[in-house]
C-alpha atoms as a PDB file:
ATOM      1  CA  MET A   1      -1.876 -18.186  -8.646  1.00  0.00           C
ATOM      2  CA  ARG A   2       0.018 -17.596  -5.445  1.00  0.00           C
ATOM      3  CA  ARG A   3      -1.929 -16.795  -2.332  1.00  0.00           C
ATOM      4  CA  GLY A   4      -0.631 -16.128   1.156  1.00  0.00           C
ATOM      5  CA  GLY A   5       2.155 -18.174   2.692  1.00  0.00           C
ATOM      6  CA  GLN A   6       2.020 -21.332   4.805  1.00  0.00           C
ATOM      7  CA  THR A   7      -0.245 -20.727   7.782  1.00  0.00           C
ATOM      8  CA  GLY A   8      -0.565 -24.107   9.439  1.00  0.00           C
ATOM      9  CA  ARG A   9       0.884 -27.617   9.390  1.00  0.00           C
ATOM     10  CA  GLY A  10      -0.168 -29.468   6.268  1.00  0.00           C
ATOM     11  CA  ARG A  11      -1.852 -26.469   4.634  1.00  0.00           C
ATOM     12  CA  SER A  12      -0.796 -25.761   1.082  1.00  0.00           C
ATOM     13  CA  PRO A  13       0.310 -22.178   0.291  1.00  0.00           C
ATOM     14  CA  LEU A  14      -2.372 -22.246  -2.407  1.00  0.00           C
ATOM     15  CA  GLN A  15      -5.134 -22.639   0.152  1.00  0.00           C
ATOM     16  CA  ARG A  16      -6.808 -19.732   1.882  1.00  0.00           C
ATOM     17  CA  PRO A  17      -8.332 -19.928   5.362  1.00  0.00           C
ATOM     18  CA  THR A  18     -12.052 -20.493   5.507  1.00  0.00           C
ATOM     19  CA  ARG A  19     -14.343 -17.629   6.457  1.00  0.00           C
ATOM     20  CA  ASP A  20     -15.331 -19.094   9.844  1.00  0.00           C
ATOM     21  CA  ARG A  21     -11.703 -18.851  10.997  1.00  0.00           C
ATOM     22  CA  LEU A  22     -11.464 -15.125  10.291  1.00  0.00           C
ATOM     23  CA  ARG A  23     -12.652 -11.844  11.699  1.00  0.00           C
ATOM     24  CA  SER A  24     -14.242  -9.275   9.421  1.00  0.00           C
ATOM     25  CA  GLY A  25     -11.498  -7.386   7.608  1.00  0.00           C
ATOM     26  CA  ASP A  26      -9.031 -10.254   7.732  1.00  0.00           C
ATOM     27  CA  ILE A  27      -8.778 -10.874   3.991  1.00  0.00           C
ATOM     28  CA  ILE A  28      -7.577  -7.953   1.902  1.00  0.00           C
ATOM     29  CA  LEU A  29      -6.127  -7.557  -1.561  1.00  0.00           C
ATOM     30  CA  ILE A  30      -3.500  -4.911  -2.324  1.00  0.00           C
ATOM     31  CA  VAL A  31      -3.062  -4.155  -6.027  1.00  0.00           C
ATOM     32  CA  CYS A  32      -0.012  -2.026  -6.803  1.00  0.00           C
ATOM     33  CA  GLU A  33       0.831   0.055  -9.840  1.00  0.00           C
ATOM     34  CA  GLY A  34       4.548  -0.658  -9.572  1.00  0.00           C
ATOM     35  CA  GLY A  35       6.161  -3.988 -10.251  1.00  0.00           C
ATOM     36  CA  LYS A  36       8.772  -3.879  -7.501  1.00  0.00           C
ATOM     37  CA  THR A  37       8.905  -0.883  -5.133  1.00  0.00           C
ATOM     38  CA  GLU A  38       5.379  -1.080  -3.759  1.00  0.00           C
ATOM     39  CA  PRO A  39       4.912  -4.894  -3.877  1.00  0.00           C
ATOM     40  CA  ASP A  40       8.284  -5.456  -2.208  1.00  0.00           C
ATOM     41  CA  TYR A  41       7.366  -3.019   0.547  1.00  0.00           C
ATOM     42  CA  PHE A  42       3.959  -4.516   1.315  1.00  0.00           C
ATOM     43  CA  ASN A  43       5.179  -8.075   0.980  1.00  0.00           C
ATOM     44  CA  GLY A  44       7.926  -7.206   3.445  1.00  0.00           C
ATOM     45  CA  LEU A  45       5.347  -5.979   5.947  1.00  0.00           C
ATOM     46  CA  ARG A  46       3.150  -9.010   5.259  1.00  0.00           C
ATOM     47  CA  ARG A  47       6.004 -11.356   6.132  1.00  0.00           C
ATOM     48  CA  ARG A  48       7.258  -9.360   9.088  1.00  0.00           C
ATOM     49  CA  TRP A  49       3.787  -9.052  10.602  1.00  0.00           C
ATOM     50  CA  ARG A  50       2.860 -12.655   9.729  1.00  0.00           C
ATOM     51  CA  LEU A  51      -0.156 -11.678   7.656  1.00  0.00           C
ATOM     52  CA  GLY A  52       0.617 -14.046   4.809  1.00  0.00           C
ATOM     53  CA  ALA A  53      -2.714 -15.851   4.785  1.00  0.00           C
ATOM     54  CA  HIS A  54      -4.701 -12.661   5.206  1.00  0.00           C
ATOM     55  CA  VAL A  55      -3.076 -10.222   2.790  1.00  0.00           C
ATOM     56  CA  GLU A  56      -2.499 -10.762  -0.915  1.00  0.00           C
ATOM     57  CA  VAL A  57      -0.234  -8.379  -2.828  1.00  0.00           C
ATOM     58  CA  VAL A  58      -0.266  -8.042  -6.614  1.00  0.00           C
ATOM     59  CA  GLY A  59       2.339  -6.068  -8.561  1.00  0.00           C
ATOM     60  CA  ASP A  60       2.642  -5.122 -12.206  1.00  0.00           C
ATOM     61  CA  ALA A  61       0.301  -7.870 -13.408  1.00  0.00           C
ATOM     62  CA  SER A  62      -2.312  -5.133 -13.175  1.00  0.00           C
ATOM     63  CA  GLY A  63      -0.631  -2.727 -15.590  1.00  0.00           C
ATOM     64  CA  SER A  64       1.170   0.567 -15.112  1.00  0.00           C
ATOM     65  CA  ALA A  65      -1.664   3.139 -15.237  1.00  0.00           C
ATOM     66  CA  PRO A  66      -4.087   3.841 -12.364  1.00  0.00           C
ATOM     67  CA  ILE A  67      -7.113   2.797 -14.419  1.00  0.00           C
ATOM     68  CA  ASN A  68      -5.413  -0.554 -15.151  1.00  0.00           C
ATOM     69  CA  VAL A  69      -4.852  -1.048 -11.425  1.00  0.00           C
ATOM     70  CA  VAL A  70      -8.518  -0.346 -10.673  1.00  0.00           C
ATOM     71  CA  ASP A  71      -9.794  -2.555 -13.499  1.00  0.00           C
ATOM     72  CA  TYR A  72      -7.583  -5.447 -12.399  1.00  0.00           C
ATOM     73  CA  ALA A  73      -8.635  -5.028  -8.771  1.00  0.00           C
ATOM     74  CA  LEU A  74     -12.299  -5.131  -9.801  1.00  0.00           C
ATOM     75  CA  GLU A  75     -11.675  -8.251 -11.866  1.00  0.00           C
ATOM     76  CA  ARG A  76     -10.040 -10.036  -8.934  1.00  0.00           C
ATOM     77  CA  LYS A  77     -12.770  -8.867  -6.571  1.00  0.00           C
ATOM     78  CA  SER A  78     -15.437 -10.203  -8.919  1.00  0.00           C
ATOM     79  CA  GLN A  79     -13.670 -13.547  -9.324  1.00  0.00           C
ATOM     80  CA  ALA A  80     -13.473 -14.001  -5.556  1.00  0.00           C
ATOM     81  CA  GLU A  81     -17.143 -13.135  -5.126  1.00  0.00           C
ATOM     82  CA  LYS A  82     -18.042 -15.726  -7.766  1.00  0.00           C
ATOM     83  CA  GLY A  83     -16.358 -18.500  -5.828  1.00  0.00           C
ATOM     84  CA  ALA A  84     -12.673 -18.337  -6.754  1.00  0.00           C
ATOM     85  CA  GLY A  85     -11.565 -18.203  -3.123  1.00  0.00           C
ATOM     86  CA  VAL A  86     -12.869 -16.388  -0.063  1.00  0.00           C
ATOM     87  CA  PRO A  87     -14.300 -12.946  -0.948  1.00  0.00           C
ATOM     88  CA  TYR A  88     -12.077 -10.041   0.044  1.00  0.00           C
ATOM     89  CA  ASP A  89     -13.205  -7.862   2.916  1.00  0.00           C
ATOM     90  CA  ALA A  90     -11.363  -4.934   1.378  1.00  0.00           C
ATOM     91  CA  VAL A  91      -9.510  -4.203  -1.845  1.00  0.00           C
ATOM     92  CA  TRP A  92      -6.837  -1.498  -1.905  1.00  0.00           C
ATOM     93  CA  CYS A  93      -5.343   0.099  -4.995  1.00  0.00           C
ATOM     94  CA  VAL A  94      -1.878   1.639  -4.588  1.00  0.00           C
ATOM     95  CA  PHE A  95      -0.727   4.101  -7.225  1.00  0.00           C
ATOM     96  CA  ASP A  96       0.985   7.433  -7.807  1.00  0.00           C
ATOM     97  CA  HIS A  97      -0.156  10.689  -9.316  1.00  0.00           C
ATOM     98  CA  ASP A  98       2.949  11.059 -11.503  1.00  0.00           C
ATOM     99  CA  ARG A  99       0.958  12.916 -14.202  1.00  0.00           C
ATOM    100  CA  HIS A 100      -1.088   9.885 -15.215  1.00  0.00           C
ATOM    101  CA  LYS A 101      -3.858  10.836 -17.628  1.00  0.00           C
ATOM    102  CA  THR A 102      -6.184   8.180 -16.212  1.00  0.00           C
ATOM    103  CA  LEU A 103      -5.884   9.233 -12.562  1.00  0.00           C
ATOM    104  CA  ASP A 104      -9.196  11.058 -12.169  1.00  0.00           C
ATOM    105  CA  ARG A 105     -11.096   8.312 -13.970  1.00  0.00           C
ATOM    106  CA  ALA A 106      -9.397   5.671 -11.846  1.00  0.00           C
ATOM    107  CA  LEU A 107     -10.226   7.467  -8.579  1.00  0.00           C
ATOM    108  CA  SER A 108     -13.865   7.889  -9.598  1.00  0.00           C
ATOM    109  CA  LYS A 109     -14.235   4.268 -10.693  1.00  0.00           C
ATOM    110  CA  ALA A 110     -12.581   2.981  -7.523  1.00  0.00           C
ATOM    111  CA  LYS A 111     -14.887   5.044  -5.309  1.00  0.00           C
ATOM    112  CA  SER A 112     -18.046   4.032  -7.159  1.00  0.00           C
ATOM    113  CA  ASN A 113     -17.125   0.349  -6.841  1.00  0.00           C
ATOM    114  CA  GLY A 114     -16.158   0.357  -3.181  1.00  0.00           C
ATOM    115  CA  LEU A 115     -12.400   0.084  -3.665  1.00  0.00           C
ATOM    116  CA  LEU A 116      -9.990   1.860  -1.328  1.00  0.00           C
ATOM    117  CA  VAL A 117      -7.104   3.900  -2.716  1.00  0.00           C
ATOM    118  CA  ALA A 118      -3.678   4.655  -1.248  1.00  0.00           C
ATOM    119  CA  LEU A 119      -2.611   7.505  -3.525  1.00  0.00           C
ATOM    120  CA  SER A 120       0.774   9.213  -3.325  1.00  0.00           C
ATOM    121  CA  VAL A 121       1.617  12.549  -4.942  1.00  0.00           C
ATOM    122  CA  PRO A 122       3.890  12.739  -6.756  1.00  0.00           C
ATOM    123  CA  CYS A 123       5.051   9.163  -6.064  1.00  0.00           C
ATOM    124  CA  PHE A 124       5.341   6.342  -3.530  1.00  0.00           C
ATOM    125  CA  GLU A 125       8.812   7.533  -2.504  1.00  0.00           C
ATOM    126  CA  PHE A 126       7.156  10.458  -0.731  1.00  0.00           C
ATOM    127  CA  TRP A 127       5.888   7.882   1.792  1.00  0.00           C
ATOM    128  CA  TYR A 128       9.481   6.712   2.265  1.00  0.00           C
ATOM    129  CA  LEU A 129      10.665  10.296   2.735  1.00  0.00           C
ATOM    130  CA  LEU A 130       8.159  10.871   5.531  1.00  0.00           C
ATOM    131  CA  HIS A 131       9.977   8.229   7.567  1.00  0.00           C
ATOM    132  CA  PHE A 132      12.825  10.704   7.922  1.00  0.00           C
ATOM    133  CA  ALA A 133      11.384  14.201   7.623  1.00  0.00           C
ATOM    134  CA  TYR A 134       8.192  16.198   7.547  1.00  0.00           C
ATOM    135  CA  THR A 135       7.761  18.322   4.433  1.00  0.00           C
ATOM    136  CA  THR A 136       5.042  19.933   2.325  1.00  0.00           C
ATOM    137  CA  ARG A 137       7.439  20.965  -0.425  1.00  0.00           C
ATOM    138  CA  ALA A 138       5.649  20.927  -3.772  1.00  0.00           C
ATOM    139  CA  PHE A 139       7.812  18.394  -5.602  1.00  0.00           C
ATOM    140  CA  GLY A 140       7.401  18.772  -9.346  1.00  0.00           C
ATOM    141  CA  LYS A 141       8.212  15.174 -10.196  1.00  0.00           C
ATOM    142  CA  CYS A 142       9.275  11.926  -8.604  1.00  0.00           C
ATOM    143  CA  GLY A 143      12.938  12.513  -9.351  1.00  0.00           C
ATOM    144  CA  GLU A 144      12.920  15.444  -6.954  1.00  0.00           C
ATOM    145  CA  VAL A 145      11.518  13.242  -4.183  1.00  0.00           C
ATOM    146  CA  VAL A 146      14.134  10.571  -4.862  1.00  0.00           C
ATOM    147  CA  LYS A 147      16.894  13.192  -4.728  1.00  0.00           C
ATOM    148  CA  GLU A 148      15.649  14.340  -1.321  1.00  0.00           C
ATOM    149  CA  LEU A 149      15.284  10.744  -0.145  1.00  0.00           C
ATOM    150  CA  CYS A 150      18.920  10.076  -1.063  1.00  0.00           C
ATOM    151  CA  ARG A 151      19.914  12.505   1.682  1.00  0.00           C
ATOM    152  CA  HIS A 152      18.583   9.929   4.148  1.00  0.00           C
ATOM    153  CA  ILE A 153      19.156   6.664   2.253  1.00  0.00           C
ATOM    154  CA  ARG A 154      22.471   6.933   0.462  1.00  0.00           C
ATOM    155  CA  GLY A 155      22.391   5.570  -3.071  1.00  0.00           C
ATOM    156  CA  TYR A 156      18.644   4.931  -3.078  1.00  0.00           C
ATOM    157  CA  ARG A 157      17.269   3.607  -6.345  1.00  0.00           C
ATOM    158  CA  LYS A 158      13.662   2.711  -7.129  1.00  0.00           C
ATOM    159  CA  GLY A 159      12.926  -0.782  -5.907  1.00  0.00           C
ATOM    160  CA  LYS A 160      16.149  -0.906  -3.922  1.00  0.00           C
ATOM    161  CA  VAL A 161      15.445  -0.244  -0.268  1.00  0.00           C
ATOM    162  CA  GLU A 162      15.695  -2.514   2.739  1.00  0.00           C
ATOM    163  CA  LEU A 163      12.677  -2.517   5.030  1.00  0.00           C
ATOM    164  CA  ASP A 164      15.026  -2.417   8.015  1.00  0.00           C
ATOM    165  CA  MET A 165      16.137   1.065   6.927  1.00  0.00           C
ATOM    166  CA  LEU A 166      12.573   2.340   7.229  1.00  0.00           C
ATOM    167  CA  TRP A 167      11.287   0.156  10.038  1.00  0.00           C
ATOM    168  CA  PRO A 168      12.362   2.164  13.134  1.00  0.00           C
ATOM    169  CA  ASN A 169      10.772   5.322  11.733  1.00  0.00           C
ATOM    170  CA  LEU A 170       7.362   3.893  10.812  1.00  0.00           C
ATOM    171  CA  PRO A 171       5.499   5.744  13.620  1.00  0.00           C
ATOM    172  CA  ALA A 172       7.037   9.011  12.410  1.00  0.00           C
ATOM    173  CA  ALA A 173       5.957   8.282   8.831  1.00  0.00           C
ATOM    174  CA  VAL A 174       2.357   7.640   9.904  1.00  0.00           C
ATOM    175  CA  ALA A 175       2.286  10.823  11.985  1.00  0.00           C
ATOM    176  CA  ASN A 176       3.894  12.889   9.229  1.00  0.00           C
ATOM    177  CA  ALA A 177       1.452  11.615   6.586  1.00  0.00           C
ATOM    178  CA  GLN A 178      -1.476  12.561   8.812  1.00  0.00           C
ATOM    179  CA  ARG A 179       0.045  15.986   9.437  1.00  0.00           C
ATOM    180  CA  VAL A 180       0.562  16.603   5.700  1.00  0.00           C
ATOM    181  CA  ARG A 181      -3.074  15.686   5.042  1.00  0.00           C
ATOM    182  CA  GLU A 182      -4.274  18.076   7.757  1.00  0.00           C
ATOM    183  CA  ASP A 183      -2.049  20.890   6.497  1.00  0.00           C
ATOM    184  CA  ASN A 184      -3.243  20.348   2.926  1.00  0.00           C
ATOM    185  CA  LYS A 185      -6.848  20.732   4.080  1.00  0.00           C
ATOM    186  CA  LYS A 186      -5.963  24.089   5.617  1.00  0.00           C
ATOM    187  CA  THR A 187      -4.040  25.382   2.613  1.00  0.00           C
ATOM    188  CA  GLY A 188      -6.018  23.715  -0.178  1.00  0.00           C
ATOM    189  CA  ALA A 189      -2.830  22.139  -1.540  1.00  0.00           C
ATOM    190  CA  ALA A 190      -3.036  18.805  -3.339  1.00  0.00           C
ATOM    191  CA  SER A 191       0.685  18.057  -3.434  1.00  0.00           C
ATOM    192  CA  PRO A 192       2.589  16.461  -1.880  1.00  0.00           C
ATOM    193  CA  MET A 193       0.448  13.888  -0.120  1.00  0.00           C
ATOM    194  CA  THR A 194       0.077  10.200   0.586  1.00  0.00           C
ATOM    195  CA  ASP A 195      -2.656   7.973   1.952  1.00  0.00           C
ATOM    196  CA  VAL A 196      -0.363   4.971   2.385  1.00  0.00           C
ATOM    197  CA  ASP A 197      -0.575   5.506   6.140  1.00  0.00           C
ATOM    198  CA  LEU A 198      -4.282   4.602   6.018  1.00  0.00           C
ATOM    199  CA  LEU A 199      -3.444   1.212   4.538  1.00  0.00           C
ATOM    200  CA  ILE A 200      -0.606   0.755   7.047  1.00  0.00           C
ATOM    201  CA  GLU A 201      -3.023   1.442   9.895  1.00  0.00           C
ATOM    202  CA  LYS A 202      -5.365  -1.235   8.514  1.00  0.00           C
ATOM    203  CA  LEU A 203      -2.535  -3.769   8.428  1.00  0.00           C
ATOM    204  CA  ILE A 204      -1.537  -2.832  11.971  1.00  0.00           C
ATOM    205  CA  GLU A 205      -5.144  -3.320  13.099  1.00  0.00           C
ATOM    206  CA  MET A 206      -5.108  -6.801  11.588  1.00  0.00           C
ATOM    207  CA  THR A 207      -2.115  -7.802  13.717  1.00  0.00           C
ATOM    208  CA  GLY A 208      -3.982  -6.977  16.925  1.00  0.00           C
ATOM    209  CA  LYS A 209      -0.938  -5.066  18.162  1.00  0.00           C
ATOM    210  CA  SER A 210       0.098  -1.447  18.485  1.00  0.00           C
ATOM    211  CA  ILE A 211       2.574   0.155  16.114  1.00  0.00           C
ATOM    212  CA  ASP A 212       5.047   0.518  18.983  1.00  0.00           C
ATOM    213  CA  ASP A 213       4.789  -3.191  19.794  1.00  0.00           C
ATOM    214  CA  LEU A 214       5.359  -4.097  16.163  1.00  0.00           C
ATOM    215  CA  ILE A 215       8.610  -2.189  15.817  1.00  0.00           C
ATOM    216  CA  ALA A 216       9.965  -3.043  19.253  1.00  0.00           C
END
């Protein structure tokens, strides 16, 4: 199974750094619902921010429903704790609302087992959209988000976006996601929303740099 990338001369990509070389929070697992959009995005950040040895990203091996994502994340967490590699300091599950019947069960199971969740409603593309505009429009389905996103990224298709198109606007996306969350608390709305910014902030923290330094 692939781990992080090459991190030192002579070290195999299959090897993970030993615990005494790391700070707390330096090994995290990101398990994504999607097989391409989300893994490609986080792997792009992992490479760009040189976090290859510290961040592991898993795509559709976990299954397509939120409960499958949570169950797979728990399985990997348990394997690591039993000696199959260095235990993870944090495990994140990334999935959409998108009318999944298992969502509530997945959220409850993740919380009770200490997993962190980056949920997007109605879909991950809402996080992309926040790079370009602030909105609390109640999108009925993901297709409506994609249609709006196409106003900013011409010809966008799921799984087909270059990180460079989003990169300059990352600070705006983080700020907009926080603002949406605050506005939802005031209004009681549950859609749209995303917690992807919380995971992004964790990755930024791991680099030891500021968000402005990272995009400069």
